[in-house]
N, C-alpha and C. Protein backbone atom coordinates (compact mmCIF):
# COMPACT_ATOMS: atom_id res chain seq x y z
N MET A 1 93.85 89.38 19.44
CA MET A 1 92.70 88.67 20.00
C MET A 1 92.25 89.36 21.29
N ALA A 2 91.00 89.61 21.46
CA ALA A 2 90.50 90.31 22.65
C ALA A 2 90.62 89.44 23.88
N ASP A 3 90.85 90.09 25.02
CA ASP A 3 90.93 89.35 26.28
C ASP A 3 89.58 88.77 26.60
N SER A 4 89.58 87.59 27.17
CA SER A 4 88.34 86.99 27.62
C SER A 4 87.82 87.75 28.83
N PRO A 5 86.55 87.70 29.12
CA PRO A 5 85.99 88.43 30.29
C PRO A 5 86.66 88.02 31.58
N LYS A 6 86.98 86.74 31.74
CA LYS A 6 87.58 86.28 32.99
C LYS A 6 88.98 86.86 33.17
N LEU A 7 89.78 86.86 32.06
CA LEU A 7 91.13 87.41 32.15
C LEU A 7 91.08 88.90 32.44
N SER A 8 90.15 89.60 31.83
CA SER A 8 90.00 91.03 32.05
C SER A 8 89.64 91.33 33.49
N GLU A 9 88.74 90.50 34.06
CA GLU A 9 88.34 90.70 35.45
C GLU A 9 89.50 90.48 36.39
N ARG A 10 90.33 89.46 36.10
CA ARG A 10 91.48 89.19 36.94
C ARG A 10 92.46 90.34 36.91
N ALA A 11 92.69 90.90 35.70
CA ALA A 11 93.61 92.03 35.58
C ALA A 11 93.12 93.22 36.37
N ASP A 12 91.79 93.47 36.30
CA ASP A 12 91.22 94.59 37.05
C ASP A 12 91.38 94.36 38.55
N ASP A 13 91.17 93.11 39.00
CA ASP A 13 91.29 92.79 40.42
C ASP A 13 92.70 93.00 40.92
N ALA A 14 93.70 92.69 40.07
CA ALA A 14 95.10 92.80 40.49
C ALA A 14 95.47 94.25 40.78
N GLY A 15 94.84 95.20 40.08
CA GLY A 15 95.19 96.60 40.30
C GLY A 15 94.23 97.33 41.19
N ARG A 16 93.30 96.61 41.78
CA ARG A 16 92.27 97.24 42.58
C ARG A 16 92.49 96.93 44.07
N VAL A 17 92.37 97.95 44.92
CA VAL A 17 92.46 97.75 46.36
C VAL A 17 91.20 97.04 46.85
N ARG A 18 91.39 95.98 47.62
CA ARG A 18 90.24 95.29 48.21
C ARG A 18 89.81 96.07 49.45
N TRP A 19 88.86 96.99 49.28
CA TRP A 19 88.54 97.97 50.32
C TRP A 19 87.98 97.33 51.58
N ARG A 20 87.22 96.25 51.45
CA ARG A 20 86.68 95.62 52.65
C ARG A 20 87.80 95.05 53.50
N ARG A 21 88.75 94.36 52.85
CA ARG A 21 89.88 93.79 53.60
C ARG A 21 90.74 94.90 54.19
N PHE A 22 90.96 95.98 53.41
CA PHE A 22 91.74 97.12 53.89
C PHE A 22 91.11 97.73 55.14
N ALA A 23 89.78 97.87 55.11
CA ALA A 23 89.07 98.46 56.25
C ALA A 23 89.21 97.59 57.49
N VAL A 24 89.10 96.27 57.31
CA VAL A 24 89.22 95.36 58.45
C VAL A 24 90.59 95.46 59.09
N LEU A 25 91.64 95.62 58.26
CA LEU A 25 93.00 95.69 58.77
C LEU A 25 93.32 97.03 59.43
N THR A 26 92.75 98.11 58.90
CA THR A 26 93.12 99.43 59.39
C THR A 26 92.26 99.93 60.54
N LEU A 27 91.03 99.47 60.65
CA LEU A 27 90.14 99.98 61.70
C LEU A 27 90.68 99.78 63.10
N PRO A 28 91.26 98.60 63.44
CA PRO A 28 91.82 98.46 64.79
C PRO A 28 92.91 99.49 65.09
N ALA A 29 93.80 99.76 64.13
CA ALA A 29 94.87 100.73 64.33
C ALA A 29 94.31 102.12 64.53
N VAL A 30 93.29 102.47 63.72
CA VAL A 30 92.65 103.79 63.85
C VAL A 30 91.99 103.91 65.22
N ALA A 31 91.35 102.84 65.66
CA ALA A 31 90.67 102.87 66.96
C ALA A 31 91.66 103.05 68.09
N VAL A 32 92.79 102.36 68.03
CA VAL A 32 93.83 102.50 69.06
C VAL A 32 94.36 103.92 69.09
N THR A 33 94.67 104.47 67.90
CA THR A 33 95.19 105.84 67.82
C THR A 33 94.18 106.83 68.38
N ALA A 34 92.92 106.66 68.01
CA ALA A 34 91.87 107.55 68.52
C ALA A 34 91.75 107.43 70.03
N GLY A 35 91.83 106.20 70.53
CA GLY A 35 91.75 105.99 71.98
C GLY A 35 92.88 106.67 72.72
N LEU A 36 94.09 106.58 72.16
CA LEU A 36 95.23 107.24 72.79
C LEU A 36 95.07 108.75 72.74
N GLY A 37 94.51 109.26 71.63
CA GLY A 37 94.29 110.70 71.53
C GLY A 37 93.30 111.19 72.57
N ILE A 38 92.23 110.43 72.76
CA ILE A 38 91.23 110.79 73.78
C ILE A 38 91.86 110.73 75.17
N ALA A 39 92.66 109.68 75.42
CA ALA A 39 93.31 109.54 76.72
C ALA A 39 94.25 110.70 76.99
N LEU A 40 94.97 111.14 75.97
CA LEU A 40 95.85 112.30 76.13
C LEU A 40 95.05 113.54 76.49
N ALA A 41 93.94 113.74 75.78
CA ALA A 41 93.12 114.93 76.03
C ALA A 41 92.56 114.92 77.44
N GLU A 42 92.26 113.73 77.95
CA GLU A 42 91.70 113.62 79.29
C GLU A 42 92.77 113.53 80.38
N GLY A 43 94.05 113.55 79.99
CA GLY A 43 95.13 113.50 80.96
C GLY A 43 95.37 112.12 81.53
N ALA A 44 94.89 111.06 80.86
CA ALA A 44 95.04 109.71 81.38
C ALA A 44 96.40 109.11 81.07
N LEU A 45 97.14 109.71 80.15
CA LEU A 45 98.47 109.20 79.81
C LEU A 45 99.53 109.87 80.68
N ALA A 46 100.75 109.32 80.60
CA ALA A 46 101.81 109.79 81.49
C ALA A 46 102.28 111.19 81.15
N ALA A 47 102.20 111.55 79.89
CA ALA A 47 102.82 112.79 79.44
C ALA A 47 102.17 114.03 80.05
N SER A 48 102.96 114.81 80.80
CA SER A 48 102.51 116.12 81.26
C SER A 48 103.35 117.20 80.60
N PHE A 49 104.36 116.77 79.83
CA PHE A 49 105.17 117.67 79.01
C PHE A 49 105.79 116.84 77.90
N ALA A 50 106.26 117.48 76.84
CA ALA A 50 106.91 116.76 75.75
C ALA A 50 108.29 116.30 76.20
N VAL A 51 108.51 115.00 76.16
CA VAL A 51 109.80 114.47 76.62
C VAL A 51 110.86 114.70 75.55
N SER A 52 112.12 114.75 75.96
CA SER A 52 113.22 114.94 75.01
C SER A 52 113.46 113.64 74.25
N GLY A 53 114.36 113.69 73.30
CA GLY A 53 114.70 112.49 72.54
C GLY A 53 115.77 111.64 73.21
N GLN A 54 116.07 111.92 74.48
CA GLN A 54 117.11 111.18 75.18
C GLN A 54 116.57 110.58 76.47
N GLN A 55 116.91 109.33 76.71
CA GLN A 55 116.62 108.72 77.99
C GLN A 55 117.77 109.01 78.95
N PHE A 56 117.49 108.91 80.26
CA PHE A 56 118.54 109.11 81.25
C PHE A 56 118.53 107.94 82.23
N LYS A 57 119.64 107.77 82.94
CA LYS A 57 119.78 106.66 83.88
C LYS A 57 119.77 107.19 85.31
N VAL A 58 119.14 106.43 86.19
CA VAL A 58 119.06 106.78 87.61
C VAL A 58 119.42 105.56 88.43
N SER A 59 120.27 105.76 89.42
CA SER A 59 120.58 104.68 90.36
C SER A 59 120.52 105.22 91.78
N ALA A 60 120.33 104.31 92.72
CA ALA A 60 120.31 104.68 94.14
C ALA A 60 120.71 103.46 94.95
N LYS A 61 121.41 103.72 96.05
CA LYS A 61 121.78 102.62 96.94
C LYS A 61 120.54 101.97 97.53
N SER A 62 119.54 102.80 97.83
CA SER A 62 118.28 102.27 98.34
C SER A 62 117.16 103.28 98.15
N LEU A 63 115.94 102.76 98.08
CA LEU A 63 114.74 103.59 98.00
C LEU A 63 113.70 103.02 98.95
N GLU A 64 113.10 103.88 99.76
CA GLU A 64 111.98 103.49 100.60
C GLU A 64 110.79 104.38 100.25
N GLY A 65 109.64 103.75 100.02
CA GLY A 65 108.49 104.54 99.62
C GLY A 65 107.20 104.09 100.29
N GLU A 66 106.31 105.05 100.48
CA GLU A 66 104.96 104.78 100.99
C GLU A 66 103.96 105.15 99.91
N GLY A 67 103.02 104.24 99.65
CA GLY A 67 102.02 104.49 98.62
C GLY A 67 102.59 104.27 97.24
N PHE A 68 102.71 102.99 96.84
CA PHE A 68 103.34 102.61 95.57
C PHE A 68 102.29 102.18 94.55
N ALA A 69 102.45 102.63 93.29
CA ALA A 69 101.59 102.20 92.19
C ALA A 69 102.43 102.10 90.93
N GLN A 70 102.09 101.14 90.07
CA GLN A 70 102.83 100.97 88.81
C GLN A 70 101.86 100.50 87.73
N TYR A 71 101.97 101.14 86.55
CA TYR A 71 101.05 100.82 85.46
C TYR A 71 101.67 101.26 84.13
N GLY A 72 101.18 100.71 83.05
CA GLY A 72 101.65 101.08 81.72
C GLY A 72 100.99 102.34 81.22
N SER A 73 101.77 103.12 80.45
CA SER A 73 101.22 104.35 79.90
C SER A 73 102.06 104.77 78.68
N VAL A 74 101.87 105.99 78.25
CA VAL A 74 102.54 106.49 77.05
C VAL A 74 102.99 107.92 77.26
N ASP A 75 104.25 108.20 76.90
CA ASP A 75 104.76 109.58 76.85
C ASP A 75 104.69 110.08 75.41
N VAL A 76 104.82 111.38 75.23
CA VAL A 76 104.80 111.98 73.90
C VAL A 76 105.98 112.94 73.78
N ASN A 77 106.70 112.88 72.64
CA ASN A 77 107.81 113.82 72.44
C ASN A 77 107.34 115.02 71.63
N ALA A 78 108.28 115.94 71.31
CA ALA A 78 107.92 117.17 70.61
C ALA A 78 107.43 116.91 69.19
N ARG A 79 107.76 115.74 68.63
CA ARG A 79 107.29 115.37 67.30
C ARG A 79 105.92 114.69 67.37
N GLU A 80 105.36 114.61 68.58
CA GLU A 80 104.07 113.97 68.82
C GLU A 80 104.12 112.47 68.55
N GLU A 81 105.29 111.87 68.76
CA GLU A 81 105.44 110.42 68.67
C GLU A 81 105.11 109.82 70.04
N LEU A 82 104.44 108.68 70.03
CA LEU A 82 104.03 108.02 71.26
C LEU A 82 105.12 107.05 71.72
N ILE A 83 105.47 107.12 73.02
CA ILE A 83 106.54 106.29 73.59
C ILE A 83 105.97 105.49 74.76
N PRO A 84 105.94 104.16 74.64
CA PRO A 84 105.41 103.35 75.75
C PRO A 84 106.34 103.37 76.96
N VAL A 85 105.76 103.50 78.15
CA VAL A 85 106.54 103.54 79.39
C VAL A 85 105.82 102.77 80.49
N ALA A 86 106.57 102.42 81.51
CA ALA A 86 105.99 101.89 82.74
C ALA A 86 106.11 102.98 83.80
N VAL A 87 104.99 103.46 84.28
CA VAL A 87 104.98 104.54 85.27
C VAL A 87 105.08 103.94 86.67
N THR A 88 106.10 104.38 87.41
CA THR A 88 106.22 104.04 88.83
C THR A 88 105.88 105.29 89.63
N ALA A 89 104.85 105.21 90.45
CA ALA A 89 104.40 106.38 91.22
C ALA A 89 104.47 106.06 92.70
N ILE A 90 105.05 106.99 93.48
CA ILE A 90 105.20 106.80 94.92
C ILE A 90 104.75 108.07 95.63
N ARG A 91 103.89 107.92 96.61
CA ARG A 91 103.37 109.09 97.33
C ARG A 91 104.45 109.81 98.12
N GLU A 92 105.24 109.06 98.89
CA GLU A 92 106.35 109.64 99.65
C GLU A 92 107.56 108.72 99.48
N ALA A 93 108.70 109.27 99.03
CA ALA A 93 109.88 108.45 98.76
C ALA A 93 111.14 109.05 99.36
N LYS A 94 112.05 108.17 99.77
CA LYS A 94 113.38 108.57 100.24
C LYS A 94 114.41 107.73 99.50
N LEU A 95 115.43 108.40 98.95
CA LEU A 95 116.46 107.71 98.18
C LEU A 95 117.84 108.03 98.76
N HIS A 96 118.65 107.01 98.93
CA HIS A 96 120.01 107.18 99.44
C HIS A 96 121.02 107.02 98.29
N SER A 97 122.01 107.91 98.25
CA SER A 97 123.07 107.87 97.23
C SER A 97 122.48 107.87 95.82
N LEU A 98 121.75 108.92 95.52
CA LEU A 98 121.12 109.07 94.21
C LEU A 98 122.13 109.50 93.16
N CYS A 99 122.04 108.91 91.97
CA CYS A 99 122.85 109.31 90.82
C CYS A 99 121.95 109.39 89.60
N GLN A 100 122.13 110.47 88.82
CA GLN A 100 121.38 110.62 87.58
C GLN A 100 122.35 111.03 86.49
N SER A 101 122.26 110.41 85.32
CA SER A 101 123.20 110.73 84.23
C SER A 101 122.49 110.72 82.89
N VAL A 102 122.98 111.56 81.99
CA VAL A 102 122.51 111.57 80.61
C VAL A 102 123.70 111.90 79.72
N VAL A 103 123.80 111.21 78.61
CA VAL A 103 124.92 111.39 77.68
C VAL A 103 124.39 111.97 76.37
N THR A 104 125.02 113.06 75.92
CA THR A 104 124.67 113.70 74.66
C THR A 104 125.85 113.61 73.71
N THR A 105 125.59 113.19 72.48
CA THR A 105 126.65 113.11 71.47
C THR A 105 126.54 114.31 70.54
N LEU A 106 127.60 115.12 70.49
CA LEU A 106 127.62 116.34 69.68
C LEU A 106 128.60 116.19 68.53
N PRO A 107 128.30 116.85 67.39
CA PRO A 107 129.25 116.81 66.27
C PRO A 107 130.62 117.37 66.69
N ILE A 108 131.66 116.78 66.19
CA ILE A 108 133.05 117.17 66.43
C ILE A 108 133.48 116.89 67.87
N ILE A 109 132.69 117.37 68.85
CA ILE A 109 133.07 117.22 70.26
C ILE A 109 132.97 115.76 70.72
N GLY A 110 131.91 115.08 70.29
CA GLY A 110 131.70 113.70 70.73
C GLY A 110 130.76 113.62 71.91
N ASP A 111 130.98 112.66 72.81
CA ASP A 111 130.10 112.44 73.96
C ASP A 111 130.33 113.47 75.06
N ILE A 112 129.21 114.01 75.57
CA ILE A 112 129.23 114.91 76.73
C ILE A 112 128.30 114.32 77.79
N SER A 113 128.79 114.18 79.01
CA SER A 113 128.00 113.57 80.08
C SER A 113 127.61 114.60 81.13
N LEU A 114 126.34 114.58 81.52
CA LEU A 114 125.85 115.38 82.64
C LEU A 114 125.54 114.41 83.78
N ASN A 115 126.18 114.63 84.92
CA ASN A 115 125.99 113.77 86.08
C ASN A 115 125.50 114.57 87.27
N LEU A 116 124.53 114.04 87.97
CA LEU A 116 123.98 114.66 89.17
C LEU A 116 124.00 113.62 90.29
N THR A 117 124.50 114.03 91.45
CA THR A 117 124.49 113.14 92.62
C THR A 117 123.91 113.90 93.81
N ALA A 118 123.31 113.17 94.73
CA ALA A 118 122.73 113.76 95.95
C ALA A 118 122.42 112.63 96.92
N GLY A 119 122.11 113.01 98.17
CA GLY A 119 121.68 112.04 99.16
C GLY A 119 122.78 111.12 99.67
N GLN A 120 124.00 111.60 99.71
CA GLN A 120 125.10 110.78 100.22
C GLN A 120 125.02 110.66 101.75
N LYS A 121 124.57 111.71 102.40
CA LYS A 121 124.43 111.70 103.86
C LYS A 121 122.95 111.66 104.24
N ALA A 122 122.26 112.78 104.13
CA ALA A 122 120.80 112.78 104.34
C ALA A 122 120.13 112.33 103.05
N PRO A 123 119.03 111.57 103.13
CA PRO A 123 118.41 111.05 101.91
C PRO A 123 117.72 112.12 101.08
N VAL A 124 117.62 111.85 99.79
CA VAL A 124 116.79 112.67 98.90
C VAL A 124 115.34 112.36 99.23
N GLU A 125 114.50 113.40 99.32
CA GLU A 125 113.09 113.21 99.65
C GLU A 125 112.22 113.72 98.51
N ALA A 126 111.19 112.95 98.17
CA ALA A 126 110.28 113.35 97.10
C ALA A 126 108.85 113.01 97.49
N SER A 127 107.92 113.87 97.11
CA SER A 127 106.50 113.60 97.31
C SER A 127 105.81 113.57 95.96
N ASN A 128 104.80 112.70 95.84
CA ASN A 128 104.08 112.54 94.57
C ASN A 128 105.06 112.36 93.41
N LEU A 129 105.90 111.36 93.55
CA LEU A 129 106.96 111.08 92.58
C LEU A 129 106.43 110.16 91.47
N PHE A 130 106.66 110.57 90.21
CA PHE A 130 106.30 109.78 89.04
C PHE A 130 107.54 109.58 88.17
N VAL A 131 107.85 108.35 87.84
CA VAL A 131 108.98 108.05 86.96
C VAL A 131 108.46 107.25 85.77
N ASP A 132 108.66 107.78 84.56
CA ASP A 132 108.23 107.11 83.34
C ASP A 132 109.44 106.35 82.79
N ALA A 133 109.50 105.06 83.06
CA ALA A 133 110.70 104.28 82.81
C ALA A 133 110.49 103.22 81.73
N THR A 134 111.63 102.78 81.15
CA THR A 134 111.60 101.66 80.22
C THR A 134 112.35 100.46 80.80
N GLN A 135 113.05 100.67 81.91
CA GLN A 135 113.79 99.57 82.56
C GLN A 135 113.94 99.88 84.03
N LEU A 136 113.78 98.88 84.89
CA LEU A 136 113.97 99.02 86.33
C LEU A 136 114.46 97.70 86.89
N SER A 137 115.49 97.77 87.76
CA SER A 137 115.99 96.55 88.39
C SER A 137 116.44 96.87 89.81
N GLY A 138 116.58 95.82 90.63
CA GLY A 138 116.99 95.95 92.03
C GLY A 138 116.37 94.84 92.85
N ASP A 139 116.65 94.85 94.15
CA ASP A 139 116.05 93.88 95.07
C ASP A 139 114.91 94.58 95.79
N ALA A 140 113.68 94.10 95.56
CA ALA A 140 112.50 94.82 96.05
C ALA A 140 111.70 94.02 97.06
N VAL A 141 111.13 94.75 98.04
CA VAL A 141 110.23 94.18 99.03
C VAL A 141 108.98 95.05 99.08
N PHE A 142 107.79 94.43 98.94
CA PHE A 142 106.53 95.16 98.98
C PHE A 142 105.69 94.67 100.17
N THR A 143 104.87 95.55 100.71
CA THR A 143 103.91 95.13 101.73
C THR A 143 102.50 95.33 101.19
N ASN A 144 101.65 94.32 101.44
CA ASN A 144 100.25 94.34 100.98
C ASN A 144 100.15 94.68 99.49
N ILE A 145 100.86 93.92 98.67
CA ILE A 145 100.87 94.21 97.23
C ILE A 145 99.66 93.60 96.54
N GLU A 146 99.14 94.31 95.56
CA GLU A 146 98.04 93.85 94.72
C GLU A 146 98.54 93.82 93.28
N ILE A 147 98.62 92.64 92.67
CA ILE A 147 99.14 92.48 91.32
C ILE A 147 97.99 92.12 90.38
N GLY A 148 97.90 92.83 89.27
CA GLY A 148 96.84 92.57 88.30
C GLY A 148 95.60 93.42 88.50
N ARG A 149 95.71 94.49 89.26
CA ARG A 149 94.56 95.37 89.47
C ARG A 149 94.34 96.24 88.23
N ASP A 150 93.10 96.58 87.96
CA ASP A 150 92.77 97.48 86.85
C ASP A 150 93.42 98.84 87.10
N ALA A 151 94.16 99.33 86.09
CA ALA A 151 94.93 100.57 86.26
C ALA A 151 94.06 101.78 86.59
N SER A 152 92.79 101.74 86.19
CA SER A 152 91.92 102.89 86.44
C SER A 152 91.39 102.93 87.87
N THR A 153 91.66 101.88 88.66
CA THR A 153 91.11 101.81 90.02
C THR A 153 92.18 101.93 91.10
N LEU A 154 93.41 102.28 90.74
CA LEU A 154 94.49 102.38 91.72
C LEU A 154 94.17 103.45 92.76
N ASP A 155 94.50 103.15 94.04
CA ASP A 155 94.18 104.12 95.10
C ASP A 155 95.22 104.19 96.22
N LYS A 156 96.37 103.52 96.04
CA LYS A 156 97.38 103.56 97.10
C LYS A 156 98.51 104.55 96.81
N GLY A 157 98.71 104.90 95.56
CA GLY A 157 99.76 105.82 95.20
C GLY A 157 99.30 107.27 95.28
N PRO A 158 100.01 108.18 94.61
CA PRO A 158 99.56 109.58 94.54
C PRO A 158 98.16 109.67 93.94
N ALA A 159 97.50 110.77 94.20
CA ALA A 159 96.11 110.93 93.75
C ALA A 159 95.95 110.78 92.25
N ASP A 160 96.93 111.23 91.49
CA ASP A 160 96.84 111.18 90.03
C ASP A 160 97.42 109.90 89.44
N ALA A 161 97.82 108.96 90.27
CA ALA A 161 98.45 107.72 89.79
C ALA A 161 97.40 106.70 89.39
N VAL A 162 96.78 106.93 88.24
CA VAL A 162 95.81 106.00 87.66
C VAL A 162 96.09 105.89 86.17
N GLY A 163 95.83 104.72 85.62
CA GLY A 163 96.03 104.50 84.20
C GLY A 163 94.72 104.33 83.47
N MET A 164 94.80 103.75 82.28
CA MET A 164 93.61 103.54 81.46
C MET A 164 92.85 102.30 81.91
N GLN A 165 91.53 102.34 81.75
CA GLN A 165 90.68 101.22 82.15
C GLN A 165 91.04 99.95 81.40
N ASP A 166 91.01 98.83 82.10
CA ASP A 166 91.28 97.49 81.58
C ASP A 166 92.77 97.16 81.46
N LEU A 167 93.66 98.12 81.72
CA LEU A 167 95.09 97.84 81.63
C LEU A 167 95.61 97.29 82.95
N PHE A 168 96.66 96.46 82.86
CA PHE A 168 97.29 95.82 84.02
C PHE A 168 97.98 96.86 84.89
N ALA A 169 97.91 96.65 86.21
CA ALA A 169 98.62 97.52 87.14
C ALA A 169 98.87 96.77 88.44
N GLN A 170 99.71 97.34 89.29
CA GLN A 170 99.94 96.79 90.62
C GLN A 170 100.17 97.93 91.60
N GLN A 171 99.91 97.66 92.88
CA GLN A 171 100.11 98.67 93.90
C GLN A 171 100.41 98.00 95.23
N ALA A 172 100.99 98.80 96.16
CA ALA A 172 101.34 98.26 97.48
C ALA A 172 101.36 99.40 98.49
N ASP A 173 101.23 99.02 99.77
CA ASP A 173 101.28 100.03 100.83
C ASP A 173 102.67 100.66 100.90
N THR A 174 103.72 99.82 100.86
CA THR A 174 105.10 100.32 100.91
C THR A 174 105.96 99.55 99.93
N VAL A 175 107.09 100.14 99.56
CA VAL A 175 108.07 99.49 98.69
C VAL A 175 109.47 99.83 99.20
N SER A 176 110.36 98.85 99.14
CA SER A 176 111.76 99.06 99.49
C SER A 176 112.61 98.40 98.42
N ILE A 177 113.50 99.17 97.79
CA ILE A 177 114.35 98.65 96.72
C ILE A 177 115.80 98.98 97.03
N THR A 178 116.66 97.98 97.01
CA THR A 178 118.10 98.20 97.16
C THR A 178 118.78 98.00 95.82
N ASP A 179 119.89 98.70 95.62
CA ASP A 179 120.62 98.66 94.35
C ASP A 179 119.70 98.98 93.18
N LEU A 180 118.97 100.07 93.30
CA LEU A 180 118.03 100.50 92.28
C LEU A 180 118.76 100.97 91.03
N ARG A 181 118.30 100.50 89.88
CA ARG A 181 118.80 100.97 88.59
C ARG A 181 117.61 101.09 87.64
N GLN A 182 117.50 102.26 86.99
CA GLN A 182 116.40 102.41 86.04
C GLN A 182 116.78 103.36 84.91
N THR A 183 116.17 103.13 83.78
CA THR A 183 116.33 103.99 82.61
C THR A 183 114.98 104.62 82.33
N ALA A 184 114.94 105.94 82.17
CA ALA A 184 113.66 106.63 82.11
C ALA A 184 113.64 107.73 81.06
N TRP A 185 112.42 108.11 80.68
CA TRP A 185 112.20 109.24 79.79
C TRP A 185 111.87 110.52 80.57
N ALA A 186 111.24 110.36 81.74
CA ALA A 186 110.79 111.55 82.46
C ALA A 186 110.59 111.26 83.93
N THR A 187 110.74 112.30 84.75
CA THR A 187 110.44 112.24 86.19
C THR A 187 109.63 113.48 86.56
N ASN A 188 108.57 113.28 87.32
CA ASN A 188 107.77 114.37 87.86
C ASN A 188 107.67 114.20 89.37
N ALA A 189 107.64 115.30 90.10
CA ALA A 189 107.45 115.23 91.55
C ALA A 189 106.79 116.50 92.03
N GLY A 190 105.94 116.35 93.07
CA GLY A 190 105.34 117.53 93.68
C GLY A 190 106.41 118.35 94.38
N THR A 191 107.24 117.68 95.17
CA THR A 191 108.43 118.31 95.76
C THR A 191 109.59 117.33 95.62
N PHE A 192 110.79 117.88 95.46
CA PHE A 192 111.98 117.06 95.28
C PHE A 192 113.12 117.74 96.04
N LYS A 193 113.46 117.19 97.19
CA LYS A 193 114.47 117.78 98.06
C LYS A 193 115.77 116.99 97.94
N LEU A 194 116.80 117.63 97.36
CA LEU A 194 118.07 116.96 97.11
C LEU A 194 119.14 117.51 98.05
N SER A 195 119.47 116.75 99.06
CA SER A 195 120.52 117.17 99.99
C SER A 195 121.89 116.83 99.42
N GLY A 196 122.83 117.76 99.57
CA GLY A 196 124.18 117.53 99.06
C GLY A 196 124.24 117.44 97.55
N LEU A 197 123.45 118.25 96.87
CA LEU A 197 123.38 118.20 95.41
C LEU A 197 124.72 118.57 94.77
N ASN A 198 125.13 117.79 93.79
CA ASN A 198 126.35 118.06 93.03
C ASN A 198 126.10 117.72 91.57
N MET A 199 126.33 118.67 90.67
CA MET A 199 126.14 118.45 89.25
C MET A 199 127.39 118.84 88.49
N ASN A 200 127.78 118.01 87.52
CA ASN A 200 128.93 118.36 86.69
C ASN A 200 128.76 117.82 85.28
N ILE A 201 129.44 118.50 84.36
CA ILE A 201 129.44 118.12 82.95
C ILE A 201 130.87 117.79 82.55
N SER A 202 131.04 116.68 81.88
CA SER A 202 132.39 116.25 81.49
C SER A 202 132.37 115.64 80.11
N LYS A 203 133.51 115.62 79.47
CA LYS A 203 133.64 115.03 78.15
C LYS A 203 133.79 113.52 78.28
N GLY A 204 133.18 112.80 77.38
CA GLY A 204 133.22 111.34 77.44
C GLY A 204 131.93 110.76 77.96
N LYS A 205 131.83 109.44 77.97
CA LYS A 205 130.62 108.74 78.39
C LYS A 205 130.79 108.28 79.83
N LYS A 206 130.10 108.96 80.77
CA LYS A 206 130.16 108.61 82.19
C LYS A 206 128.74 108.49 82.72
N GLU A 207 128.31 107.27 82.91
CA GLU A 207 126.93 107.01 83.34
C GLU A 207 126.88 106.42 84.75
N CYS A 208 125.70 106.46 85.34
CA CYS A 208 125.52 105.94 86.69
C CYS A 208 125.72 104.43 86.74
N PHE A 209 125.42 103.75 85.63
CA PHE A 209 125.64 102.31 85.54
C PHE A 209 125.72 101.89 84.09
């Protein structure tokens, strides 16, 4: 017995992509991807180099900074994957008892830790410091802070410390953080002066925190 027209139409519909609905669902994602691509081309995103596939940890007994800005952005790795980060930018910074660590797991050998310490006596000094982080904690004090400012209008941090238009950001004249702990993908600085620098590599997992 031949299929009725209605049954035939239903069968055709079941195997057919509903293109209008598909377009409605995919257009926002395409627009976001295109927007990020344009932002990358214009240098509006955090990435100034391809980040590695490993995050690292940084701690400091204290940090004092002049010209603070913080905003959301995106890093890019060598596979061109986008990684969301919170960029902390400071025009002039001093850090006491700095520690930086990264752990690499190798076949057969296991965990290998690289540890860097500096600023035990004289502080570590940095200018135009940018940290692309996924976590930050400590006890912080800000002066003249502005919370909720458009990221594209920031003007208290380094000259290049601006994000994309309409995104949330905050800035302050000065920042002071004690017991600083952060996990990051990348750090950039115009100058980075590390007094009493000490670096070592050891077997096992040895992190700053």
